[in-house]
Amino acid sequence: MDSTLQKRTKPRYISIDDPNHFVTFCDTLYNHLVNLLPRHNHELVIICIGTDRATGDSLGPLIGYKLLDLDFDSVHVYGNLDTPVHAKNLEEITQQVQFCHPNALVIAIDACLGTMQNVGSIAIGEGAIRPGAGVQKDLQPIGNLHITGIVNFSSFMNMVVLQNTRLSIVMRMADIISGGIRHCIGQYYGE
């Protein structure tokens, strides 16, 4: 996967308060899939990063949980509420993905903290993310494409902010992202 990591491009931000958020999310994601999946043998790996132990960091596991029943031979989801992908097992999961799906397009999904103006936005862009950067964890970059949900604002006490993030914003994002992924995968693979 490291050899296929791309330089991060400027992501597109989609506010969950925008009345057209779902259509915009789906259009953006589908365009990336159409452009990138053919280069990766039409195989897709979705890595949902985070933990259910902090509300703000539960976005990834919630999305993984909502995608558990995806039934496409070329689509693989890692990380959910029962088996989260987090700082302690990220390297192991990355190695597993490299071994089992060496040519797949990897979408990394994670919650993040940002500026006050971007709270409540979902960002989609090409390139890897660095999970845990907001809480000073030095983890390897992951993904060819990233989807991040800006769940709260960044401060000098980021872990406390993540633990005190409102579940409603995380759930709204999880619904939009998981629903959008389902829609785009169904459209791409011809369901």
Foldseek 3Di string as FASTA:
>chain_A
DVVLFDDWDFWDKAFLPPPCRLVVLLVVVLVCLVVPCVQLVNAEEEAQAFAPQALQWQLSQPLLVLCVPDDDPRYHYHAHHVHHQYDVCVVVVVVVCCVPRVRHFYEYETEDAAAPVRARIKIKIAGWDQPPVLVPDGHDTDGRIYIYHHQYHRDPPVRVCRRPGDNVSSVSVSCSVSVSVVVSVCVVVVD
